[in-house]
N, C-alpha and C. Protein backbone atom coordinates (compact mmCIF):
# COMPACT_ATOMS: atom_id res chain seq x y z
N MET A 1 0.85 -1.20 0.00
CA MET A 1 0.00 0.00 0.00
C MET A 1 0.88 1.25 0.00
N ILE A 2 0.52 2.20 -0.84
CA ILE A 2 1.24 3.46 -0.87
C ILE A 2 0.40 4.55 -0.21
N ILE A 3 1.05 5.62 0.18
CA ILE A 3 0.38 6.72 0.86
C ILE A 3 0.32 7.92 -0.07
N TYR A 4 -0.84 8.52 -0.19
CA TYR A 4 -1.01 9.75 -0.97
C TYR A 4 -1.45 10.87 -0.02
N ILE A 5 -0.74 12.00 -0.09
CA ILE A 5 -1.06 13.13 0.79
C ILE A 5 -1.14 14.42 -0.03
N PRO A 6 -2.30 15.02 -0.13
CA PRO A 6 -2.39 16.35 -0.77
C PRO A 6 -2.08 17.44 0.25
N VAL A 7 -1.17 18.35 -0.09
CA VAL A 7 -0.80 19.42 0.84
C VAL A 7 -0.74 20.75 0.09
N LYS A 8 -1.65 21.64 0.39
CA LYS A 8 -1.65 22.96 -0.23
C LYS A 8 -0.76 23.92 0.56
N LYS A 9 -0.25 24.90 -0.16
CA LYS A 9 0.56 25.94 0.51
C LYS A 9 -0.33 26.84 1.37
N ASN A 10 -1.49 27.19 0.84
CA ASN A 10 -2.39 28.10 1.54
C ASN A 10 -3.57 27.36 2.14
N SER A 11 -4.16 27.97 3.17
CA SER A 11 -5.31 27.39 3.84
C SER A 11 -6.36 28.47 4.06
N GLN A 12 -7.62 28.15 3.84
CA GLN A 12 -8.68 29.15 3.94
C GLN A 12 -9.00 29.55 5.37
N ARG A 13 -9.28 28.56 6.23
CA ARG A 13 -9.80 28.88 7.56
C ARG A 13 -8.74 28.99 8.64
N VAL A 14 -7.65 28.24 8.51
CA VAL A 14 -6.58 28.29 9.50
C VAL A 14 -5.29 28.64 8.75
N PRO A 15 -4.92 29.92 8.73
CA PRO A 15 -3.77 30.35 7.93
C PRO A 15 -2.50 29.55 8.23
N GLN A 16 -1.84 29.11 7.16
CA GLN A 16 -0.56 28.40 7.26
C GLN A 16 -0.62 27.15 8.14
N LYS A 17 -1.78 26.50 8.22
CA LYS A 17 -1.92 25.40 9.17
C LYS A 17 -0.97 24.24 8.86
N ASN A 18 -0.72 23.95 7.59
CA ASN A 18 0.15 22.82 7.24
C ASN A 18 1.60 23.06 7.64
N PHE A 19 1.94 24.32 7.93
CA PHE A 19 3.32 24.67 8.24
C PHE A 19 3.50 25.15 9.68
N ARG A 20 2.45 25.13 10.47
CA ARG A 20 2.58 25.48 11.88
C ARG A 20 3.38 24.38 12.59
N TYR A 21 4.10 24.78 13.61
CA TYR A 21 4.97 23.82 14.29
C TYR A 21 4.22 23.01 15.33
N PHE A 22 4.42 21.70 15.25
CA PHE A 22 3.85 20.76 16.21
C PHE A 22 4.95 19.78 16.58
N LYS A 23 5.26 19.71 17.87
CA LYS A 23 6.34 18.85 18.37
C LYS A 23 7.66 19.14 17.64
N GLY A 24 7.91 20.41 17.43
CA GLY A 24 9.21 20.84 16.92
C GLY A 24 9.39 20.81 15.42
N ARG A 25 8.34 20.44 14.67
CA ARG A 25 8.45 20.37 13.22
C ARG A 25 7.18 20.94 12.58
N PRO A 26 7.26 21.37 11.34
CA PRO A 26 6.03 21.77 10.64
C PRO A 26 5.04 20.61 10.64
N LEU A 27 3.77 20.93 10.67
CA LEU A 27 2.73 19.91 10.77
C LEU A 27 2.86 18.85 9.66
N TRP A 28 3.11 19.30 8.44
CA TRP A 28 3.20 18.35 7.32
C TRP A 28 4.37 17.38 7.54
N GLU A 29 5.49 17.91 8.05
CA GLU A 29 6.68 17.08 8.22
C GLU A 29 6.51 16.10 9.38
N HIS A 30 5.82 16.54 10.42
CA HIS A 30 5.54 15.66 11.56
C HIS A 30 4.81 14.40 11.08
N THR A 31 3.85 14.58 10.18
CA THR A 31 3.08 13.43 9.68
C THR A 31 3.91 12.58 8.73
N VAL A 32 4.59 13.22 7.79
CA VAL A 32 5.36 12.47 6.79
C VAL A 32 6.46 11.65 7.45
N ASP A 33 7.07 12.18 8.50
CA ASP A 33 8.16 11.46 9.17
C ASP A 33 7.66 10.22 9.91
N LYS A 34 6.37 10.13 10.19
CA LYS A 34 5.80 8.92 10.79
C LYS A 34 5.75 7.77 9.80
N LEU A 35 5.85 8.09 8.52
CA LEU A 35 5.53 7.13 7.47
C LEU A 35 6.76 6.60 6.75
N ARG A 36 7.86 6.48 7.48
CA ARG A 36 9.13 6.05 6.87
C ARG A 36 9.06 4.64 6.30
N ASN A 37 8.14 3.83 6.75
CA ASN A 37 8.05 2.45 6.27
C ASN A 37 7.13 2.29 5.06
N TYR A 38 6.72 3.42 4.48
CA TYR A 38 5.84 3.39 3.32
C TYR A 38 6.45 4.23 2.19
N GLN A 39 5.96 3.99 0.98
CA GLN A 39 6.26 4.91 -0.11
C GLN A 39 5.20 6.00 -0.08
N VAL A 40 5.64 7.23 0.14
CA VAL A 40 4.72 8.35 0.32
C VAL A 40 4.82 9.28 -0.89
N TYR A 41 3.68 9.67 -1.43
CA TYR A 41 3.61 10.64 -2.51
C TYR A 41 2.90 11.89 -1.97
N ILE A 42 3.53 13.04 -2.15
CA ILE A 42 2.96 14.29 -1.66
C ILE A 42 2.65 15.19 -2.85
N ASP A 43 1.39 15.49 -3.02
CA ASP A 43 0.88 16.32 -4.11
C ASP A 43 0.80 17.76 -3.59
N THR A 44 1.64 18.66 -4.10
CA THR A 44 1.75 19.96 -3.46
C THR A 44 2.05 21.09 -4.45
N ASP A 45 1.78 22.30 -4.00
CA ASP A 45 2.18 23.50 -4.74
C ASP A 45 3.19 24.30 -3.92
N SER A 46 3.80 23.66 -2.92
CA SER A 46 4.73 24.32 -2.01
C SER A 46 6.18 24.01 -2.38
N GLU A 47 6.96 25.04 -2.66
CA GLU A 47 8.39 24.86 -2.94
C GLU A 47 9.12 24.35 -1.71
N GLU A 48 8.68 24.80 -0.53
CA GLU A 48 9.32 24.35 0.72
C GLU A 48 9.21 22.83 0.87
N ILE A 49 8.05 22.28 0.60
CA ILE A 49 7.87 20.83 0.71
C ILE A 49 8.66 20.11 -0.37
N LEU A 50 8.64 20.62 -1.57
CA LEU A 50 9.39 20.00 -2.67
C LEU A 50 10.88 19.91 -2.32
N ASP A 51 11.41 20.98 -1.75
CA ASP A 51 12.83 21.00 -1.38
C ASP A 51 13.13 20.09 -0.20
N SER A 52 12.28 20.15 0.83
CA SER A 52 12.53 19.37 2.04
C SER A 52 12.47 17.88 1.79
N CYS A 53 11.63 17.45 0.87
CA CYS A 53 11.47 16.01 0.61
C CYS A 53 12.65 15.42 -0.14
N LEU A 54 13.54 16.25 -0.65
CA LEU A 54 14.73 15.73 -1.31
C LEU A 54 15.61 14.94 -0.34
N SER A 55 15.47 15.23 0.96
CA SER A 55 16.26 14.53 1.98
C SER A 55 15.46 13.42 2.66
N LYS A 56 14.29 13.11 2.11
CA LYS A 56 13.44 12.05 2.68
C LYS A 56 13.24 10.99 1.60
N PRO A 57 14.07 9.96 1.58
CA PRO A 57 14.01 8.97 0.49
C PRO A 57 12.69 8.22 0.38
N TRP A 58 11.90 8.16 1.43
CA TRP A 58 10.62 7.45 1.39
C TRP A 58 9.49 8.35 0.86
N ALA A 59 9.77 9.65 0.72
CA ALA A 59 8.72 10.60 0.34
C ALA A 59 9.05 11.26 -1.00
N LYS A 60 8.14 11.14 -1.94
CA LYS A 60 8.30 11.77 -3.25
C LYS A 60 7.28 12.90 -3.36
N ALA A 61 7.77 14.13 -3.32
CA ALA A 61 6.89 15.28 -3.50
C ALA A 61 6.88 15.65 -4.98
N PHE A 62 5.71 15.95 -5.49
CA PHE A 62 5.61 16.34 -6.90
C PHE A 62 4.70 17.56 -7.04
N VAL A 63 4.92 18.30 -8.12
CA VAL A 63 4.19 19.55 -8.33
C VAL A 63 2.77 19.26 -8.79
N ARG A 64 1.82 19.84 -8.09
CA ARG A 64 0.42 19.66 -8.46
C ARG A 64 0.15 20.24 -9.84
N ASN A 65 -0.66 19.52 -10.60
CA ASN A 65 -1.09 19.99 -11.90
C ASN A 65 -1.75 21.37 -11.76
N LYS A 66 -1.29 22.34 -12.55
CA LYS A 66 -1.81 23.72 -12.42
C LYS A 66 -3.31 23.79 -12.64
N SER A 67 -3.84 22.91 -13.46
CA SER A 67 -5.28 22.92 -13.71
C SER A 67 -6.07 22.42 -12.50
N LEU A 68 -5.37 21.88 -11.51
CA LEU A 68 -6.03 21.33 -10.33
C LEU A 68 -5.67 22.10 -9.06
N THR A 69 -5.29 23.34 -9.20
CA THR A 69 -5.02 24.18 -8.03
C THR A 69 -6.26 24.99 -7.68
N GLY A 70 -6.30 25.48 -6.44
CA GLY A 70 -7.46 26.25 -5.99
C GLY A 70 -8.23 25.52 -4.91
N ASP A 71 -9.12 26.25 -4.25
CA ASP A 71 -9.84 25.72 -3.10
C ASP A 71 -11.07 24.88 -3.47
N GLN A 72 -11.51 24.94 -4.73
CA GLN A 72 -12.73 24.25 -5.12
C GLN A 72 -12.47 22.92 -5.84
N VAL A 73 -11.21 22.52 -5.92
CA VAL A 73 -10.86 21.31 -6.65
C VAL A 73 -11.21 20.07 -5.83
N SER A 74 -11.83 19.11 -6.46
CA SER A 74 -12.20 17.86 -5.78
C SER A 74 -10.96 17.00 -5.57
N VAL A 75 -10.87 16.39 -4.38
CA VAL A 75 -9.75 15.48 -4.11
C VAL A 75 -9.80 14.27 -5.03
N ILE A 76 -10.98 13.93 -5.54
CA ILE A 76 -11.08 12.81 -6.48
C ILE A 76 -10.32 13.14 -7.76
N ASP A 77 -10.43 14.37 -8.23
CA ASP A 77 -9.70 14.78 -9.43
C ASP A 77 -8.20 14.74 -9.18
N LEU A 78 -7.78 15.13 -7.99
CA LEU A 78 -6.36 15.06 -7.64
C LEU A 78 -5.89 13.61 -7.64
N LEU A 79 -6.68 12.74 -7.04
CA LEU A 79 -6.31 11.33 -6.96
C LEU A 79 -6.25 10.67 -8.34
N LYS A 80 -7.20 10.99 -9.19
CA LYS A 80 -7.21 10.41 -10.53
C LYS A 80 -5.99 10.88 -11.33
N ASP A 81 -5.67 12.15 -11.19
CA ASP A 81 -4.48 12.69 -11.87
C ASP A 81 -3.22 12.00 -11.37
N PHE A 82 -3.13 11.83 -10.05
CA PHE A 82 -1.96 11.16 -9.44
C PHE A 82 -1.85 9.72 -9.91
N SER A 83 -2.97 8.98 -9.86
CA SER A 83 -2.95 7.57 -10.23
C SER A 83 -2.55 7.38 -11.69
N GLU A 84 -3.05 8.25 -12.55
CA GLU A 84 -2.71 8.15 -13.98
C GLU A 84 -1.27 8.58 -14.25
N ARG A 85 -0.84 9.64 -13.56
CA ARG A 85 0.51 10.16 -13.79
C ARG A 85 1.58 9.14 -13.41
N PHE A 86 1.37 8.45 -12.28
CA PHE A 86 2.38 7.52 -11.78
C PHE A 86 2.04 6.05 -12.05
N LYS A 87 0.98 5.82 -12.83
CA LYS A 87 0.60 4.46 -13.21
C LYS A 87 0.46 3.55 -11.98
N ILE A 88 -0.29 4.00 -11.00
CA ILE A 88 -0.42 3.28 -9.73
C ILE A 88 -1.27 2.02 -9.92
N LYS A 89 -0.75 0.90 -9.46
CA LYS A 89 -1.45 -0.38 -9.57
C LYS A 89 -1.86 -0.94 -8.21
N GLU A 90 -1.18 -0.52 -7.14
CA GLU A 90 -1.47 -1.07 -5.82
C GLU A 90 -2.44 -0.17 -5.06
N ALA A 91 -2.89 -0.65 -3.92
CA ALA A 91 -3.85 0.10 -3.12
C ALA A 91 -3.24 1.43 -2.65
N ILE A 92 -4.11 2.43 -2.57
CA ILE A 92 -3.73 3.78 -2.16
C ILE A 92 -4.38 4.08 -0.82
N CYS A 93 -3.62 4.68 0.09
CA CYS A 93 -4.18 5.19 1.34
C CYS A 93 -4.01 6.70 1.33
N GLN A 94 -5.13 7.41 1.36
CA GLN A 94 -5.07 8.87 1.38
C GLN A 94 -5.29 9.39 2.80
N ILE A 95 -4.37 10.22 3.24
CA ILE A 95 -4.49 10.85 4.55
C ILE A 95 -4.27 12.35 4.41
N HIS A 96 -4.43 13.07 5.52
CA HIS A 96 -4.19 14.51 5.54
C HIS A 96 -3.17 14.82 6.65
N VAL A 97 -2.31 15.77 6.39
CA VAL A 97 -1.35 16.17 7.43
C VAL A 97 -2.06 16.94 8.54
N THR A 98 -3.30 17.32 8.32
CA THR A 98 -4.07 18.01 9.35
C THR A 98 -4.67 17.03 10.36
N SER A 99 -4.31 15.76 10.24
CA SER A 99 -4.65 14.77 11.28
C SER A 99 -3.34 14.26 11.88
N PRO A 100 -2.64 15.10 12.62
CA PRO A 100 -1.28 14.76 13.07
C PRO A 100 -1.20 13.68 14.13
N LEU A 101 -2.33 13.28 14.70
CA LEU A 101 -2.32 12.20 15.69
C LEU A 101 -2.54 10.85 15.03
N LEU A 102 -2.39 10.82 13.73
CA LEU A 102 -2.50 9.59 12.95
C LEU A 102 -1.71 8.45 13.60
N ASP A 103 -2.34 7.28 13.65
CA ASP A 103 -1.70 6.07 14.16
C ASP A 103 -1.48 5.13 12.98
N VAL A 104 -0.25 4.75 12.70
CA VAL A 104 0.04 3.90 11.54
C VAL A 104 -0.62 2.52 11.68
N ASN A 105 -1.00 2.13 12.88
CA ASN A 105 -1.72 0.86 13.05
C ASN A 105 -3.05 0.88 12.29
N HIS A 106 -3.65 2.06 12.16
CA HIS A 106 -4.88 2.16 11.40
C HIS A 106 -4.62 1.96 9.91
N ILE A 107 -3.48 2.43 9.43
CA ILE A 107 -3.10 2.18 8.03
C ILE A 107 -2.90 0.69 7.81
N GLU A 108 -2.23 0.04 8.75
CA GLU A 108 -2.01 -1.40 8.62
C GLU A 108 -3.32 -2.18 8.65
N GLU A 109 -4.26 -1.72 9.46
CA GLU A 109 -5.56 -2.39 9.51
C GLU A 109 -6.29 -2.23 8.18
N ALA A 110 -6.25 -1.03 7.62
CA ALA A 110 -6.86 -0.79 6.31
C ALA A 110 -6.20 -1.66 5.24
N LYS A 111 -4.89 -1.80 5.32
CA LYS A 111 -4.15 -2.63 4.36
C LYS A 111 -4.61 -4.08 4.43
N ARG A 112 -4.79 -4.59 5.65
CA ARG A 112 -5.26 -5.98 5.82
C ARG A 112 -6.66 -6.17 5.25
N LYS A 113 -7.52 -5.18 5.46
CA LYS A 113 -8.90 -5.29 4.98
C LYS A 113 -8.94 -5.38 3.45
N ILE A 114 -8.01 -4.68 2.79
CA ILE A 114 -8.00 -4.69 1.33
C ILE A 114 -7.23 -5.90 0.79
N GLU A 115 -6.04 -6.14 1.32
CA GLU A 115 -5.18 -7.18 0.75
C GLU A 115 -5.55 -8.59 1.18
N ILE A 116 -6.07 -8.75 2.40
CA ILE A 116 -6.37 -10.09 2.90
C ILE A 116 -7.87 -10.38 2.87
N GLN A 117 -8.66 -9.44 3.35
CA GLN A 117 -10.11 -9.67 3.40
C GLN A 117 -10.83 -9.22 2.13
N LYS A 118 -10.08 -8.64 1.18
CA LYS A 118 -10.57 -8.35 -0.16
C LYS A 118 -11.69 -7.30 -0.23
N HIS A 119 -11.73 -6.40 0.73
CA HIS A 119 -12.57 -5.21 0.56
C HIS A 119 -11.91 -4.34 -0.51
N ASP A 120 -12.71 -3.65 -1.31
CA ASP A 120 -12.10 -2.79 -2.33
C ASP A 120 -11.78 -1.41 -1.81
N SER A 121 -12.25 -1.10 -0.59
CA SER A 121 -12.01 0.22 -0.02
C SER A 121 -12.25 0.20 1.49
N VAL A 122 -11.65 1.18 2.15
CA VAL A 122 -11.81 1.36 3.60
C VAL A 122 -11.98 2.86 3.84
N PHE A 123 -12.91 3.22 4.69
CA PHE A 123 -13.01 4.63 5.08
C PHE A 123 -13.26 4.73 6.58
N SER A 124 -12.68 5.75 7.18
CA SER A 124 -12.77 5.89 8.63
C SER A 124 -14.02 6.66 9.02
N VAL A 125 -14.57 6.28 10.18
CA VAL A 125 -15.81 6.89 10.64
C VAL A 125 -15.76 7.17 12.14
N ASP A 126 -16.55 8.18 12.53
CA ASP A 126 -16.88 8.39 13.93
C ASP A 126 -18.15 7.58 14.21
N VAL A 127 -18.21 6.97 15.37
CA VAL A 127 -19.41 6.25 15.79
C VAL A 127 -20.18 7.17 16.74
N VAL A 128 -21.45 7.42 16.42
CA VAL A 128 -22.24 8.36 17.21
C VAL A 128 -23.49 7.67 17.73
N GLN A 129 -23.71 7.79 19.03
CA GLN A 129 -24.94 7.28 19.65
C GLN A 129 -25.57 8.43 20.44
N LYS A 130 -26.27 9.27 19.71
CA LYS A 130 -27.00 10.40 20.29
C LYS A 130 -28.36 10.46 19.61
N ARG A 131 -29.26 11.26 20.17
CA ARG A 131 -30.60 11.38 19.59
C ARG A 131 -30.58 12.43 18.49
N PHE A 132 -30.87 11.98 17.26
CA PHE A 132 -30.87 12.87 16.11
C PHE A 132 -32.29 13.17 15.65
N TRP A 133 -32.44 14.40 15.11
CA TRP A 133 -33.73 14.86 14.59
C TRP A 133 -33.52 15.52 13.22
N ARG A 134 -34.57 15.50 12.40
CA ARG A 134 -34.62 16.30 11.17
C ARG A 134 -35.70 17.37 11.34
N ASN A 135 -35.42 18.55 10.80
CA ASN A 135 -36.41 19.63 10.83
C ASN A 135 -37.09 19.68 9.47
N GLU A 136 -38.27 19.07 9.36
CA GLU A 136 -39.01 19.01 8.11
C GLU A 136 -40.08 20.09 8.05
N SER A 137 -40.67 20.27 6.86
CA SER A 137 -41.71 21.29 6.70
C SER A 137 -42.93 21.02 7.57
N TYR A 138 -43.16 19.73 7.88
CA TYR A 138 -44.31 19.35 8.70
C TYR A 138 -43.96 19.28 10.19
N GLY A 139 -42.73 19.58 10.55
CA GLY A 139 -42.34 19.58 11.96
C GLY A 139 -41.09 18.75 12.20
N LEU A 140 -40.76 18.53 13.47
CA LEU A 140 -39.57 17.78 13.83
C LEU A 140 -39.80 16.28 13.66
N CYS A 141 -38.77 15.60 13.15
CA CYS A 141 -38.89 14.17 12.88
C CYS A 141 -37.69 13.45 13.50
N PRO A 142 -37.92 12.50 14.41
CA PRO A 142 -36.80 11.75 14.99
C PRO A 142 -36.17 10.84 13.95
N ILE A 143 -34.86 10.66 14.04
CA ILE A 143 -34.13 9.84 13.06
C ILE A 143 -33.81 8.46 13.61
N ASN A 144 -33.27 8.40 14.81
CA ASN A 144 -32.76 7.11 15.31
C ASN A 144 -33.32 6.75 16.68
N HIS A 145 -34.48 7.32 17.02
CA HIS A 145 -35.05 7.01 18.33
C HIS A 145 -36.56 7.25 18.29
N ASN A 146 -37.21 6.69 19.28
CA ASN A 146 -38.66 6.86 19.45
C ASN A 146 -38.89 7.81 20.62
N PRO A 147 -39.38 9.02 20.36
CA PRO A 147 -39.52 10.00 21.44
C PRO A 147 -40.44 9.58 22.57
N VAL A 148 -41.36 8.65 22.29
CA VAL A 148 -42.29 8.22 23.35
C VAL A 148 -41.76 7.00 24.10
N LYS A 149 -40.58 6.54 23.70
CA LYS A 149 -39.96 5.42 24.40
C LYS A 149 -38.49 5.79 24.66
N LEU A 150 -38.27 6.46 25.77
CA LEU A 150 -36.93 6.97 26.06
C LEU A 150 -35.96 5.84 26.34
N GLU A 151 -34.86 5.83 25.58
CA GLU A 151 -33.81 4.83 25.77
C GLU A 151 -32.51 5.53 26.15
N GLN A 152 -31.65 4.80 26.85
CA GLN A 152 -30.32 5.33 27.12
C GLN A 152 -29.57 5.48 25.79
N THR A 153 -28.75 6.51 25.71
CA THR A 153 -28.06 6.75 24.44
C THR A 153 -27.18 5.57 24.04
N GLN A 154 -26.62 4.86 25.03
CA GLN A 154 -25.76 3.72 24.68
C GLN A 154 -26.54 2.56 24.09
N ASP A 155 -27.88 2.60 24.20
CA ASP A 155 -28.71 1.55 23.62
C ASP A 155 -29.27 1.93 22.26
N LEU A 156 -29.01 3.16 21.81
CA LEU A 156 -29.49 3.60 20.50
C LEU A 156 -28.68 2.95 19.39
N PRO A 157 -29.25 2.82 18.19
CA PRO A 157 -28.48 2.30 17.06
C PRO A 157 -27.27 3.21 16.78
N GLU A 158 -26.19 2.60 16.40
CA GLU A 158 -25.01 3.38 16.05
C GLU A 158 -25.23 4.07 14.71
N LEU A 159 -24.81 5.33 14.63
CA LEU A 159 -24.75 6.05 13.37
C LEU A 159 -23.27 6.30 13.05
N TYR A 160 -22.95 6.37 11.76
CA TYR A 160 -21.54 6.47 11.35
C TYR A 160 -21.35 7.72 10.50
N CYS A 161 -20.33 8.48 10.83
CA CYS A 161 -20.05 9.72 10.13
C CYS A 161 -18.62 9.66 9.57
N GLU A 162 -18.48 9.83 8.27
CA GLU A 162 -17.13 9.90 7.69
C GLU A 162 -16.36 11.02 8.37
N ASN A 163 -15.11 10.74 8.75
CA ASN A 163 -14.32 11.79 9.41
C ASN A 163 -13.07 12.20 8.63
N SER A 164 -12.86 11.61 7.45
CA SER A 164 -11.76 11.99 6.54
C SER A 164 -10.38 11.73 7.11
N TYR A 165 -10.31 10.98 8.20
CA TYR A 165 -9.01 10.64 8.79
C TYR A 165 -8.20 9.75 7.85
N LEU A 166 -8.90 8.84 7.17
CA LEU A 166 -8.21 7.87 6.33
C LEU A 166 -9.17 7.33 5.28
N TYR A 167 -8.70 7.25 4.06
CA TYR A 167 -9.38 6.52 2.99
C TYR A 167 -8.36 5.59 2.35
N ALA A 168 -8.73 4.36 2.10
CA ALA A 168 -7.86 3.42 1.40
C ALA A 168 -8.70 2.70 0.36
N PHE A 169 -8.10 2.44 -0.80
CA PHE A 169 -8.90 1.89 -1.90
C PHE A 169 -7.99 1.37 -3.00
N ASN A 170 -8.52 0.44 -3.76
CA ASN A 170 -7.85 0.01 -4.97
C ASN A 170 -8.01 1.09 -6.03
N PRO A 171 -7.03 1.27 -6.92
CA PRO A 171 -7.12 2.34 -7.91
C PRO A 171 -8.37 2.27 -8.78
N GLU A 172 -8.89 1.06 -9.00
CA GLU A 172 -10.08 0.91 -9.84
C GLU A 172 -11.30 1.65 -9.27
N VAL A 173 -11.33 1.84 -7.96
CA VAL A 173 -12.45 2.53 -7.33
C VAL A 173 -12.58 3.96 -7.85
N LEU A 174 -11.46 4.57 -8.21
CA LEU A 174 -11.48 5.95 -8.70
C LEU A 174 -12.26 6.09 -10.00
N GLU A 175 -12.42 4.99 -10.72
CA GLU A 175 -13.19 5.02 -11.97
C GLU A 175 -14.65 5.34 -11.71
N MET A 176 -15.11 5.12 -10.47
CA MET A 176 -16.48 5.47 -10.07
C MET A 176 -16.56 6.90 -9.56
N HIS A 177 -15.46 7.64 -9.71
CA HIS A 177 -15.33 9.02 -9.21
C HIS A 177 -15.64 9.06 -7.71
N ASN A 178 -15.01 8.14 -7.00
CA ASN A 178 -15.24 8.04 -5.57
C ASN A 178 -14.04 7.37 -4.93
N ARG A 179 -13.95 7.46 -3.59
CA ARG A 179 -12.93 6.73 -2.83
C ARG A 179 -13.53 5.53 -2.13
N ILE A 180 -14.84 5.41 -2.17
CA ILE A 180 -15.54 4.31 -1.52
C ILE A 180 -16.13 3.42 -2.61
N GLY A 181 -15.74 2.16 -2.59
CA GLY A 181 -16.15 1.25 -3.65
C GLY A 181 -17.44 0.52 -3.36
N LYS A 182 -17.59 -0.63 -4.00
CA LYS A 182 -18.81 -1.43 -3.88
C LYS A 182 -18.77 -2.40 -2.71
N ASN A 183 -17.57 -2.63 -2.17
CA ASN A 183 -17.43 -3.54 -1.03
C ASN A 183 -16.55 -2.88 0.03
N PRO A 184 -17.03 -1.78 0.62
CA PRO A 184 -16.19 -1.03 1.56
C PRO A 184 -16.21 -1.60 2.97
N TYR A 185 -15.22 -1.18 3.74
CA TYR A 185 -15.17 -1.52 5.17
C TYR A 185 -15.09 -0.20 5.94
N MET A 186 -15.93 -0.07 6.97
CA MET A 186 -15.91 1.12 7.82
C MET A 186 -14.93 0.90 8.97
N LEU A 187 -13.94 1.74 9.04
CA LEU A 187 -12.93 1.66 10.10
C LEU A 187 -13.30 2.67 11.19
N LYS A 188 -13.63 2.16 12.37
CA LYS A 188 -14.05 3.04 13.46
C LYS A 188 -12.82 3.67 14.13
N VAL A 189 -12.73 4.98 14.04
CA VAL A 189 -11.58 5.72 14.59
C VAL A 189 -12.12 6.88 15.41
N GLY A 190 -11.82 6.86 16.70
CA GLY A 190 -12.34 7.90 17.58
C GLY A 190 -11.28 8.93 17.98
N PHE A 191 -11.69 9.80 18.89
CA PHE A 191 -10.81 10.83 19.42
C PHE A 191 -9.72 10.18 20.30
N PRO A 192 -8.49 10.67 20.26
CA PRO A 192 -8.02 11.88 19.59
C PRO A 192 -7.48 11.66 18.19
N TYR A 193 -7.41 10.39 17.75
CA TYR A 193 -6.79 10.13 16.44
C TYR A 193 -7.48 10.89 15.32
N ASN A 194 -8.80 11.01 15.41
CA ASN A 194 -9.55 11.64 14.32
C ASN A 194 -9.57 13.16 14.39
N LEU A 195 -8.81 13.76 15.30
CA LEU A 195 -8.79 15.21 15.39
C LEU A 195 -8.21 15.80 14.11
N ASP A 196 -9.01 16.62 13.44
CA ASP A 196 -8.62 17.25 12.18
C ASP A 196 -8.55 18.76 12.39
N ILE A 197 -7.45 19.35 11.96
CA ILE A 197 -7.27 20.79 12.17
C ILE A 197 -8.03 21.55 11.10
N ASP A 198 -9.25 21.97 11.45
CA ASP A 198 -10.10 22.68 10.51
C ASP A 198 -10.44 24.08 11.00
N THR A 199 -10.22 24.32 12.30
CA THR A 199 -10.49 25.63 12.90
C THR A 199 -9.37 25.96 13.89
N GLU A 200 -9.34 27.21 14.32
CA GLU A 200 -8.37 27.60 15.34
C GLU A 200 -8.63 26.86 16.65
N GLU A 201 -9.88 26.56 16.93
CA GLU A 201 -10.21 25.80 18.14
C GLU A 201 -9.61 24.39 18.07
N ASP A 202 -9.64 23.79 16.89
CA ASP A 202 -9.01 22.47 16.72
C ASP A 202 -7.52 22.55 17.02
N TRP A 203 -6.89 23.63 16.56
CA TRP A 203 -5.45 23.79 16.78
C TRP A 203 -5.14 23.90 18.27
N GLU A 204 -5.99 24.61 19.00
CA GLU A 204 -5.78 24.75 20.44
C GLU A 204 -5.93 23.39 21.15
N ILE A 205 -6.89 22.59 20.69
CA ILE A 205 -7.06 21.25 21.27
C ILE A 205 -5.83 20.40 20.97
N LEU A 206 -5.33 20.48 19.73
CA LEU A 206 -4.16 19.69 19.36
C LEU A 206 -2.97 20.02 20.24
N LYS A 207 -2.80 21.29 20.57
CA LYS A 207 -1.63 21.69 21.37
C LYS A 207 -1.62 21.06 22.75
N THR A 208 -2.79 20.61 23.23
CA THR A 208 -2.82 19.94 24.54
C THR A 208 -2.25 18.52 24.45
N HIS A 209 -2.02 18.03 23.22
CA HIS A 209 -1.50 16.67 23.04
C HIS A 209 0.00 16.65 22.77
N LYS A 210 0.67 17.74 23.06
CA LYS A 210 2.12 17.77 22.91
C LYS A 210 2.80 16.92 23.97
């Protein structure tokens, strides 16, 4: 399994988040250095990353296609461009450097699900057991509970929310313009591993894990 990491130079909501220092290194480098036992491909528009990866033999940084730059570009288009450019035949694991508490054991579990158990894809999820409602035109509608029969939250059906911590898939899955195939496996990953730096509040929480 190879690792694919998209890393932009700029960030909309948290300025310079990929380059903020965490445990003595830029955030992107902290993550990449965890992955020395893998072949890592970094899709970037950052000269700093391109230069720094010259001293990391396990990490190949390459210049993002100019037609795929900007904040509105789909990661699927990035992945398809990467897969075609490098003629990728083996399973791909896509992660983000904004999940710096990544545990490589989760990558290994995803690898086993694809290579041994023959799932075509793996995606990470949060497991939620809370009372959910929809606000419809006719009023409030319960989703996963019966309001007239109060149950403890731990007895409610589990709901699953993609958390973008990890996606793994065979390259053929990209032909469906998706990272989730026809025979996926949901990998349950909770806090703190799934902490994603999307706001300044997330960054403050991350700093407590130094």
